Amino acid sequence: MTQRKAGISSETFDEFLAGQGLLESCEDHALKEMIADQLAAAMKEQGLTKTEMASRMKTSRRQLDRLLNPTVPSVTLDTLRRAATAVGRTLRVELV
């Protein structure tokens, strides 16, 4: 077992996560959580129930639940676009 000396490290948190092989999954989870939070806020703002939202998206309530659950990682651009349209928003994807 490798021991680390106590003290201040110059390693950033991102570098630590990358070293552990966790950076990509943490970024994915954070992005999914932000999207889910934005959709939930837009639904609340408009007084939409999950059933009404699913109907607007032309999908099942179960599919909407997966979209709003940040622990479910996979989501398609089409699903995101339909969700954005259902709450009167547009989806913008950028590479930065």
PDB file of N, CA and C in Angstrom:
ATOM      1  N   MET A   1       0.845  -1.173   0.000  1.00  0.00           N
ATOM      2  CA  MET A   1       0.000   0.000   0.000  1.00  0.00           C
ATOM      3  C   MET A   1       0.893   1.239   0.000  1.00  0.00           C
ATOM      4  N   THR A   2       0.563   2.183  -0.842  1.00  0.00           N
ATOM      5  CA  THR A   2       1.333   3.417  -0.935  1.00  0.00           C
ATOM      6  C   THR A   2       0.803   4.421   0.076  1.00  0.00           C
ATOM      7  N   GLN A   3       1.728   5.035   0.789  1.00  0.00           N
ATOM      8  CA  GLN A   3       1.320   6.042   1.759  1.00  0.00           C
ATOM      9  C   GLN A   3       1.628   7.420   1.198  1.00  0.00           C
ATOM     10  N   ARG A   4       0.733   8.361   1.461  1.00  0.00           N
ATOM     11  CA  ARG A   4       0.949   9.749   1.051  1.00  0.00           C
ATOM     12  C   ARG A   4       1.299  10.562   2.277  1.00  0.00           C
ATOM     13  N   LYS A   5       2.206  11.474   2.104  1.00  0.00           N
ATOM     14  CA  LYS A   5       2.543  12.378   3.191  1.00  0.00           C
ATOM     15  C   LYS A   5       1.415  13.382   3.360  1.00  0.00           C
ATOM     16  N   ALA A   6       1.137  13.709   4.596  1.00  0.00           N
ATOM     17  CA  ALA A   6       0.124  14.727   4.871  1.00  0.00           C
ATOM     18  C   ALA A   6       0.659  16.072   4.393  1.00  0.00           C
ATOM     19  N   GLY A   7      -0.203  16.869   3.863  1.00  0.00           N
ATOM     20  CA  GLY A   7       0.211  18.187   3.404  1.00  0.00           C
ATOM     21  C   GLY A   7      -0.650  18.654   2.261  1.00  0.00           C
ATOM     22  N   ILE A   8      -0.262  19.761   1.697  1.00  0.00           N
ATOM     23  CA  ILE A   8      -1.023  20.357   0.612  1.00  0.00           C
ATOM     24  C   ILE A   8      -0.548  19.771  -0.710  1.00  0.00           C
ATOM     25  N   SER A   9      -1.493  19.380  -1.529  1.00  0.00           N
ATOM     26  CA  SER A   9      -1.180  18.829  -2.841  1.00  0.00           C
ATOM     27  C   SER A   9      -1.443  19.890  -3.898  1.00  0.00           C
ATOM     28  N   SER A  10      -0.625  19.885  -4.936  1.00  0.00           N
ATOM     29  CA  SER A  10      -0.851  20.828  -6.034  1.00  0.00           C
ATOM     30  C   SER A  10      -1.782  20.229  -7.082  1.00  0.00           C
ATOM     31  N   GLU A  11      -2.242  19.007  -6.839  1.00  0.00           N
ATOM     32  CA  GLU A  11      -3.146  18.325  -7.762  1.00  0.00           C
ATOM     33  C   GLU A  11      -4.553  18.919  -7.651  1.00  0.00           C
ATOM     34  N   THR A  12      -5.161  19.230  -8.800  1.00  0.00           N
ATOM     35  CA  THR A  12      -6.532  19.731  -8.777  1.00  0.00           C
ATOM     36  C   THR A  12      -7.491  18.565  -8.581  1.00  0.00           C
ATOM     37  N   PHE A  13      -8.718  18.889  -8.250  1.00  0.00           N
ATOM     38  CA  PHE A  13      -9.718  17.838  -8.067  1.00  0.00           C
ATOM     39  C   PHE A  13      -9.957  17.097  -9.378  1.00  0.00           C
ATOM     40  N   ASP A  14      -9.993  17.834 -10.491  1.00  0.00           N
ATOM     41  CA  ASP A  14     -10.150  17.194 -11.802  1.00  0.00           C
ATOM     42  C   ASP A  14      -9.000  16.233 -12.082  1.00  0.00           C
ATOM     43  N   GLU A  15      -7.786  16.643 -11.740  1.00  0.00           N
ATOM     44  CA  GLU A  15      -6.625  15.772 -11.940  1.00  0.00           C
ATOM     45  C   GLU A  15      -6.727  14.523 -11.073  1.00  0.00           C
ATOM     46  N   PHE A  16      -7.195  14.703  -9.847  1.00  0.00           N
ATOM     47  CA  PHE A  16      -7.385  13.557  -8.960  1.00  0.00           C
ATOM     48  C   PHE A  16      -8.399  12.588  -9.552  1.00  0.00           C
ATOM     49  N   LEU A  17      -9.558  13.116  -9.980  1.00  0.00           N
ATOM     50  CA  LEU A  17     -10.588  12.254 -10.570  1.00  0.00           C
ATOM     51  C   LEU A  17     -10.074  11.558 -11.824  1.00  0.00           C
ATOM     52  N   ALA A  18      -9.338  12.281 -12.654  1.00  0.00           N
ATOM     53  CA  ALA A  18      -8.779  11.683 -13.870  1.00  0.00           C
ATOM     54  C   ALA A  18      -7.817  10.559 -13.508  1.00  0.00           C
ATOM     55  N   GLY A  19      -7.005  10.781 -12.503  1.00  0.00           N
ATOM     56  CA  GLY A  19      -6.064   9.761 -12.056  1.00  0.00           C
ATOM     57  C   GLY A  19      -6.751   8.512 -11.539  1.00  0.00           C
ATOM     58  N   GLN A  20      -7.950   8.683 -11.005  1.00  0.00           N
ATOM     59  CA  GLN A  20      -8.734   7.554 -10.501  1.00  0.00           C
ATOM     60  C   GLN A  20      -9.609   6.935 -11.588  1.00  0.00           C
ATOM     61  N   GLY A  21      -9.594   7.542 -12.776  1.00  0.00           N
ATOM     62  CA  GLY A  21     -10.435   7.059 -13.872  1.00  0.00           C
ATOM     63  C   GLY A  21     -11.900   7.419 -13.704  1.00  0.00           C
ATOM     64  N   LEU A  22     -12.168   8.485 -12.947  1.00  0.00           N
ATOM     65  CA  LEU A  22     -13.547   8.856 -12.617  1.00  0.00           C
ATOM     66  C   LEU A  22     -14.008  10.171 -13.233  1.00  0.00           C
ATOM     67  N   LEU A  23     -13.109  10.909 -13.857  1.00  0.00           N
ATOM     68  CA  LEU A  23     -13.460  12.253 -14.322  1.00  0.00           C
ATOM     69  C   LEU A  23     -14.616  12.245 -15.311  1.00  0.00           C
ATOM     70  N   GLU A  24     -14.550  11.400 -16.312  1.00  0.00           N
ATOM     71  CA  GLU A  24     -15.591  11.385 -17.343  1.00  0.00           C
ATOM     72  C   GLU A  24     -16.959  11.040 -16.763  1.00  0.00           C
ATOM     73  N   SER A  25     -17.022  10.039 -15.906  1.00  0.00           N
ATOM     74  CA  SER A  25     -18.327   9.660 -15.349  1.00  0.00           C
ATOM     75  C   SER A  25     -18.866  10.742 -14.421  1.00  0.00           C
ATOM     76  N   CYS A  26     -17.986  11.433 -13.692  1.00  0.00           N
ATOM     77  CA  CYS A  26     -18.436  12.529 -12.826  1.00  0.00           C
ATOM     78  C   CYS A  26     -18.963  13.698 -13.655  1.00  0.00           C
ATOM     79  N   GLU A  27     -18.274  14.009 -14.753  1.00  0.00           N
ATOM     80  CA  GLU A  27     -18.742  15.083 -15.628  1.00  0.00           C
ATOM     81  C   GLU A  27     -20.077  14.721 -16.266  1.00  0.00           C
ATOM     82  N   ASP A  28     -20.217  13.468 -16.696  1.00  0.00           N
ATOM     83  CA  ASP A  28     -21.479  13.008 -17.286  1.00  0.00           C
ATOM     84  C   ASP A  28     -22.624  13.145 -16.292  1.00  0.00           C
ATOM     85  N   HIS A  29     -22.375  12.713 -15.057  1.00  0.00           N
ATOM     86  CA  HIS A  29     -23.420  12.779 -14.025  1.00  0.00           C
ATOM     87  C   HIS A  29     -23.796  14.234 -13.732  1.00  0.00           C
ATOM     88  N   ALA A  30     -22.803  15.100 -13.633  1.00  0.00           N
ATOM     89  CA  ALA A  30     -23.074  16.513 -13.347  1.00  0.00           C
ATOM     90  C   ALA A  30     -23.885  17.152 -14.471  1.00  0.00           C
ATOM     91  N   LEU A  31     -23.536  16.848 -15.705  1.00  0.00           N
ATOM     92  CA  LEU A  31     -24.275  17.388 -16.847  1.00  0.00           C
ATOM     93  C   LEU A  31     -25.713  16.888 -16.851  1.00  0.00           C
ATOM     94  N   LYS A  32     -25.893  15.605 -16.622  1.00  0.00           N
ATOM     95  CA  LYS A  32     -27.240  15.024 -16.597  1.00  0.00           C
ATOM     96  C   LYS A  32     -28.059  15.636 -15.459  1.00  0.00           C
ATOM     97  N   GLU A  33     -27.427  15.856 -14.316  1.00  0.00           N
ATOM     98  CA  GLU A  33     -28.149  16.455 -13.188  1.00  0.00           C
ATOM     99  C   GLU A  33     -28.561  17.897 -13.499  1.00  0.00           C
ATOM    100  N   MET A  34     -27.698  18.651 -14.171  1.00  0.00           N
ATOM    101  CA  MET A  34     -28.050  20.024 -14.548  1.00  0.00           C
ATOM    102  C   MET A  34     -29.237  20.036 -15.503  1.00  0.00           C
ATOM    103  N   ILE A  35     -29.226  19.150 -16.485  1.00  0.00           N
ATOM    104  CA  ILE A  35     -30.329  19.082 -17.445  1.00  0.00           C
ATOM    105  C   ILE A  35     -31.621  18.692 -16.743  1.00  0.00           C
ATOM    106  N   ALA A  36     -31.553  17.680 -15.895  1.00  0.00           N
ATOM    107  CA  ALA A  36     -32.743  17.229 -15.170  1.00  0.00           C
ATOM    108  C   ALA A  36     -33.297  18.349 -14.294  1.00  0.00           C
ATOM    109  N   ASP A  37     -32.414  19.084 -13.618  1.00  0.00           N
ATOM    110  CA  ASP A  37     -32.849  20.195 -12.765  1.00  0.00           C
ATOM    111  C   ASP A  37     -33.505  21.305 -13.584  1.00  0.00           C
ATOM    112  N   GLN A  38     -32.933  21.626 -14.741  1.00  0.00           N
ATOM    113  CA  GLN A  38     -33.505  22.673 -15.593  1.00  0.00           C
ATOM    114  C   GLN A  38     -34.880  22.269 -16.111  1.00  0.00           C
ATOM    115  N   LEU A  39     -35.015  21.012 -16.514  1.00  0.00           N
ATOM    116  CA  LEU A  39     -36.320  20.539 -16.995  1.00  0.00           C
ATOM    117  C   LEU A  39     -37.351  20.540 -15.874  1.00  0.00           C
ATOM    118  N   ALA A  40     -36.964  20.059 -14.705  1.00  0.00           N
ATOM    119  CA  ALA A  40     -37.891  20.034 -13.567  1.00  0.00           C
ATOM    120  C   ALA A  40     -38.321  21.452 -13.192  1.00  0.00           C
ATOM    121  N   ALA A  41     -37.385  22.400 -13.237  1.00  0.00           N
ATOM    122  CA  ALA A  41     -37.716  23.797 -12.919  1.00  0.00           C
ATOM    123  C   ALA A  41     -38.679  24.376 -13.949  1.00  0.00           C
ATOM    124  N   ALA A  42     -38.454  24.084 -15.225  1.00  0.00           N
ATOM    125  CA  ALA A  42     -39.346  24.581 -16.280  1.00  0.00           C
ATOM    126  C   ALA A  42     -40.731  23.967 -16.138  1.00  0.00           C
ATOM    127  N   MET A  43     -40.781  22.685 -15.784  1.00  0.00           N
ATOM    128  CA  MET A  43     -42.078  22.035 -15.573  1.00  0.00           C
ATOM    129  C   MET A  43     -42.817  22.686 -14.405  1.00  0.00           C
ATOM    130  N   LYS A  44     -42.106  22.936 -13.312  1.00  0.00           N
ATOM    131  CA  LYS A  44     -42.721  23.546 -12.133  1.00  0.00           C
ATOM    132  C   LYS A  44     -43.208  24.956 -12.456  1.00  0.00           C
ATOM    133  N   GLU A  45     -42.387  25.705 -13.176  1.00  0.00           N
ATOM    134  CA  GLU A  45     -42.725  27.075 -13.573  1.00  0.00           C
ATOM    135  C   GLU A  45     -44.029  27.115 -14.369  1.00  0.00           C
ATOM    136  N   GLN A  46     -44.244  26.092 -15.194  1.00  0.00           N
ATOM    137  CA  GLN A  46     -45.438  26.035 -16.037  1.00  0.00           C
ATOM    138  C   GLN A  46     -46.565  25.223 -15.408  1.00  0.00           C
ATOM    139  N   GLY A  47     -46.331  24.684 -14.225  1.00  0.00           N
ATOM    140  CA  GLY A  47     -47.358  23.888 -13.559  1.00  0.00           C
ATOM    141  C   GLY A  47     -47.647  22.570 -14.258  1.00  0.00           C
ATOM    142  N   LEU A  48     -46.638  22.008 -14.921  1.00  0.00           N
ATOM    143  CA  LEU A  48     -46.818  20.753 -15.656  1.00  0.00           C
ATOM    144  C   LEU A  48     -46.595  19.546 -14.756  1.00  0.00           C
ATOM    145  N   THR A  49     -47.495  18.602 -14.828  1.00  0.00           N
ATOM    146  CA  THR A  49     -47.276  17.325 -14.158  1.00  0.00           C
ATOM    147  C   THR A  49     -46.397  16.461 -15.055  1.00  0.00           C
ATOM    148  N   LYS A  50     -45.873  15.390 -14.489  1.00  0.00           N
ATOM    149  CA  LYS A  50     -45.070  14.465 -15.295  1.00  0.00           C
ATOM    150  C   LYS A  50     -45.914  13.835 -16.398  1.00  0.00           C
ATOM    151  N   THR A  51     -47.161  13.558 -16.101  1.00  0.00           N
ATOM    152  CA  THR A  51     -48.049  12.970 -17.107  1.00  0.00           C
ATOM    153  C   THR A  51     -48.259  13.936 -18.266  1.00  0.00           C
ATOM    154  N   GLU A  52     -48.495  15.220 -17.950  1.00  0.00           N
ATOM    155  CA  GLU A  52     -48.675  16.228 -19.000  1.00  0.00           C
ATOM    156  C   GLU A  52     -47.388  16.420 -19.810  1.00  0.00           C
ATOM    157  N   MET A  53     -46.267  16.430 -19.112  1.00  0.00           N
ATOM    158  CA  MET A  53     -44.982  16.596 -19.795  1.00  0.00           C
ATOM    159  C   MET A  53     -44.719  15.423 -20.735  1.00  0.00           C
ATOM    160  N   ALA A  54     -44.950  14.218 -20.273  1.00  0.00           N
ATOM    161  CA  ALA A  54     -44.747  13.031 -21.113  1.00  0.00           C
ATOM    162  C   ALA A  54     -45.650  13.090 -22.338  1.00  0.00           C
ATOM    163  N   SER A  55     -46.874  13.538 -22.148  1.00  0.00           N
ATOM    164  CA  SER A  55     -47.805  13.655 -23.265  1.00  0.00           C
ATOM    165  C   SER A  55     -47.303  14.671 -24.290  1.00  0.00           C
ATOM    166  N   ARG A  56     -46.816  15.804 -23.831  1.00  0.00           N
ATOM    167  CA  ARG A  56     -46.269  16.818 -24.739  1.00  0.00           C
ATOM    168  C   ARG A  56     -45.067  16.286 -25.514  1.00  0.00           C
ATOM    169  N   MET A  57     -44.291  15.424 -24.849  1.00  0.00           N
ATOM    170  CA  MET A  57     -43.103  14.851 -25.493  1.00  0.00           C
ATOM    171  C   MET A  57     -43.445  13.664 -26.385  1.00  0.00           C
ATOM    172  N   LYS A  58     -44.699  13.226 -26.314  1.00  0.00           N
ATOM    173  CA  LYS A  58     -45.130  12.023 -27.040  1.00  0.00           C
ATOM    174  C   LYS A  58     -44.298  10.808 -26.627  1.00  0.00           C
ATOM    175  N   THR A  59     -44.198  10.653 -25.308  1.00  0.00           N
ATOM    176  CA  THR A  59     -43.444   9.540 -24.742  1.00  0.00           C
ATOM    177  C   THR A  59     -44.165   9.030 -23.506  1.00  0.00           C
ATOM    178  N   SER A  60     -43.604   8.033 -22.882  1.00  0.00           N
ATOM    179  CA  SER A  60     -44.216   7.466 -21.680  1.00  0.00           C
ATOM    180  C   SER A  60     -43.738   8.213 -20.436  1.00  0.00           C
ATOM    181  N   ARG A  61     -44.510   8.091 -19.402  1.00  0.00           N
ATOM    182  CA  ARG A  61     -44.129   8.672 -18.113  1.00  0.00           C
ATOM    183  C   ARG A  61     -42.835   8.019 -17.624  1.00  0.00           C
ATOM    184  N   ARG A  62     -42.689   6.743 -17.896  1.00  0.00           N
ATOM    185  CA  ARG A  62     -41.490   6.008 -17.487  1.00  0.00           C
ATOM    186  C   ARG A  62     -40.240   6.585 -18.171  1.00  0.00           C
ATOM    187  N   GLN A  63     -40.361   6.894 -19.465  1.00  0.00           N
ATOM    188  CA  GLN A  63     -39.231   7.490 -20.193  1.00  0.00           C
ATOM    189  C   GLN A  63     -38.899   8.863 -19.615  1.00  0.00           C
ATOM    190  N   LEU A  64     -39.906   9.640 -19.269  1.00  0.00           N
ATOM    191  CA  LEU A  64     -39.670  10.948 -18.658  1.00  0.00           C
ATOM    192  C   LEU A  64     -38.975  10.787 -17.312  1.00  0.00           C
ATOM    193  N   ASP A  65     -39.400   9.811 -16.524  1.00  0.00           N
ATOM    194  CA  ASP A  65     -38.751   9.560 -15.237  1.00  0.00           C
ATOM    195  C   ASP A  65     -37.265   9.262 -15.422  1.00  0.00           C
ATOM    196  N   ARG A  66     -36.915   8.504 -16.451  1.00  0.00           N
ATOM    197  CA  ARG A  66     -35.501   8.212 -16.729  1.00  0.00           C
ATOM    198  C   ARG A  66     -34.756   9.491 -17.110  1.00  0.00           C
ATOM    199  N   LEU A  67     -35.408  10.342 -17.884  1.00  0.00           N
ATOM    200  CA  LEU A  67     -34.786  11.602 -18.281  1.00  0.00           C
ATOM    201  C   LEU A  67     -34.530  12.499 -17.071  1.00  0.00           C
ATOM    202  N   LEU A  68     -35.462  12.525 -16.144  1.00  0.00           N
ATOM    203  CA  LEU A  68     -35.344  13.389 -14.969  1.00  0.00           C
ATOM    204  C   LEU A  68     -34.481  12.787 -13.863  1.00  0.00           C
ATOM    205  N   ASN A  69     -34.051  11.544 -14.027  1.00  0.00           N
ATOM    206  CA  ASN A  69     -33.231  10.863 -13.028  1.00  0.00           C
ATOM    207  C   ASN A  69     -31.756  10.987 -13.416  1.00  0.00           C
ATOM    208  N   PRO A  70     -30.974  11.779 -12.673  1.00  0.00           N
ATOM    209  CA  PRO A  70     -29.575  11.985 -13.057  1.00  0.00           C
ATOM    210  C   PRO A  70     -28.707  10.733 -12.945  1.00  0.00           C
ATOM    211  N   THR A  71     -29.180   9.705 -12.275  1.00  0.00           N
ATOM    212  CA  THR A  71     -28.375   8.485 -12.165  1.00  0.00           C
ATOM    213  C   THR A  71     -28.533   7.580 -13.379  1.00  0.00           C
ATOM    214  N   VAL A  72     -29.485   7.898 -14.256  1.00  0.00           N
ATOM    215  CA  VAL A  72     -29.646   7.146 -15.507  1.00  0.00           C
ATOM    216  C   VAL A  72     -28.858   7.913 -16.568  1.00  0.00           C
ATOM    217  N   PRO A  73     -27.709   7.380 -16.987  1.00  0.00           N
ATOM    218  CA  PRO A  73     -26.792   8.165 -17.808  1.00  0.00           C
ATOM    219  C   PRO A  73     -27.181   8.359 -19.269  1.00  0.00           C
ATOM    220  N   SER A  74     -27.834   7.404 -19.866  1.00  0.00           N
ATOM    221  CA  SER A  74     -28.052   7.502 -21.312  1.00  0.00           C
ATOM    222  C   SER A  74     -29.314   8.287 -21.639  1.00  0.00           C
ATOM    223  N   VAL A  75     -29.149   9.223 -22.550  1.00  0.00           N
ATOM    224  CA  VAL A  75     -30.262  10.018 -23.046  1.00  0.00           C
ATOM    225  C   VAL A  75     -29.900  10.448 -24.467  1.00  0.00           C
ATOM    226  N   THR A  76     -30.883  10.447 -25.347  1.00  0.00           N
ATOM    227  CA  THR A  76     -30.596  10.816 -26.734  1.00  0.00           C
ATOM    228  C   THR A  76     -30.838  12.303 -26.956  1.00  0.00           C
ATOM    229  N   LEU A  77     -30.210  12.830 -27.985  1.00  0.00           N
ATOM    230  CA  LEU A  77     -30.438  14.229 -28.343  1.00  0.00           C
ATOM    231  C   LEU A  77     -31.890  14.457 -28.728  1.00  0.00           C
ATOM    232  N   ASP A  78     -32.504  13.479 -29.378  1.00  0.00           N
ATOM    233  CA  ASP A  78     -33.912  13.598 -29.756  1.00  0.00           C
ATOM    234  C   ASP A  78     -34.792  13.741 -28.519  1.00  0.00           C
ATOM    235  N   THR A  79     -34.516  12.954 -27.494  1.00  0.00           N
ATOM    236  CA  THR A  79     -35.293  13.046 -26.251  1.00  0.00           C
ATOM    237  C   THR A  79     -35.101  14.409 -25.606  1.00  0.00           C
ATOM    238  N   LEU A  80     -33.870  14.890 -25.567  1.00  0.00           N
ATOM    239  CA  LEU A  80     -33.606  16.216 -24.999  1.00  0.00           C
ATOM    240  C   LEU A  80     -34.307  17.310 -25.796  1.00  0.00           C
ATOM    241  N   ARG A  81     -34.283  17.202 -27.124  1.00  0.00           N
ATOM    242  CA  ARG A  81     -34.949  18.189 -27.976  1.00  0.00           C
ATOM    243  C   ARG A  81     -36.448  18.199 -27.719  1.00  0.00           C
ATOM    244  N   ARG A  82     -37.060  17.007 -27.638  1.00  0.00           N
ATOM    245  CA  ARG A  82     -38.503  16.936 -27.390  1.00  0.00           C
ATOM    246  C   ARG A  82     -38.852  17.489 -26.014  1.00  0.00           C
ATOM    247  N   ALA A  83     -38.008  17.236 -25.031  1.00  0.00           N
ATOM    248  CA  ALA A  83     -38.253  17.768 -23.687  1.00  0.00           C
ATOM    249  C   ALA A  83     -38.163  19.290 -23.691  1.00  0.00           C
ATOM    250  N   ALA A  84     -37.151  19.824 -24.349  1.00  0.00           N
ATOM    251  CA  ALA A  84     -37.001  21.278 -24.425  1.00  0.00           C
ATOM    252  C   ALA A  84     -38.199  21.909 -25.121  1.00  0.00           C
ATOM    253  N   THR A  85     -38.616  21.329 -26.220  1.00  0.00           N
ATOM    254  CA  THR A  85     -39.772  21.838 -26.964  1.00  0.00           C
ATOM    255  C   THR A  85     -41.036  21.778 -26.115  1.00  0.00           C
ATOM    256  N   ALA A  86     -41.182  20.730 -25.335  1.00  0.00           N
ATOM    257  CA  ALA A  86     -42.379  20.552 -24.501  1.00  0.00           C
ATOM    258  C   ALA A  86     -42.533  21.650 -23.460  1.00  0.00           C
ATOM    259  N   VAL A  87     -41.410  22.251 -23.040  1.00  0.00           N
ATOM    260  CA  VAL A  87     -41.486  23.344 -22.063  1.00  0.00           C
ATOM    261  C   VAL A  87     -41.213  24.701 -22.715  1.00  0.00           C
ATOM    262  N   GLY A  88     -41.292  24.738 -24.057  1.00  0.00           N
ATOM    263  CA  GLY A  88     -41.145  26.000 -24.775  1.00  0.00           C
ATOM    264  C   GLY A  88     -39.726  26.521 -24.849  1.00  0.00           C
ATOM    265  N   ARG A  89     -38.780  25.646 -24.738  1.00  0.00           N
ATOM    266  CA  ARG A  89     -37.370  26.038 -24.801  1.00  0.00           C
ATOM    267  C   ARG A  89     -36.719  25.404 -26.024  1.00  0.00           C
ATOM    268  N   THR A  90     -35.495  25.798 -26.289  1.00  0.00           N
ATOM    269  CA  THR A  90     -34.732  25.168 -27.364  1.00  0.00           C
ATOM    270  C   THR A  90     -33.512  24.489 -26.752  1.00  0.00           C
ATOM    271  N   LEU A  91     -33.064  23.459 -27.411  1.00  0.00           N
ATOM    272  CA  LEU A  91     -31.874  22.739 -26.971  1.00  0.00           C
ATOM    273  C   LEU A  91     -30.676  23.314 -27.706  1.00  0.00           C
ATOM    274  N   ARG A  92     -29.637  23.640 -26.956  1.00  0.00           N
ATOM    275  CA  ARG A  92     -28.406  24.143 -27.555  1.00  0.00           C
ATOM    276  C   ARG A  92     -27.262  23.252 -27.080  1.00  0.00           C
ATOM    277  N   VAL A  93     -26.532  22.705 -28.033  1.00  0.00           N
ATOM    278  CA  VAL A  93     -25.382  21.859 -27.726  1.00  0.00           C
ATOM    279  C   VAL A  93     -24.148  22.555 -28.269  1.00  0.00           C
ATOM    280  N   GLU A  94     -23.132  22.698 -27.432  1.00  0.00           N
ATOM    281  CA  GLU A  94     -21.916  23.396 -27.839  1.00  0.00           C
ATOM    282  C   GLU A  94     -20.690  22.556 -27.521  1.00  0.00           C
ATOM    283  N   LEU A  95     -19.688  22.700 -28.347  1.00  0.00           N
ATOM    284  CA  LEU A  95     -18.368  22.172 -28.033  1.00  0.00           C
ATOM    285  C   LEU A  95     -17.523  23.360 -27.615  1.00  0.00           C
ATOM    286  N   VAL A  96     -16.967  23.299 -26.426  1.00  0.00           N
ATOM    287  CA  VAL A  96     -16.156  24.422 -25.940  1.00  0.00           C
ATOM    288  C   VAL A  96     -14.762  23.967 -25.589  1.00  0.00           C
TER     289      VAL A  96
END
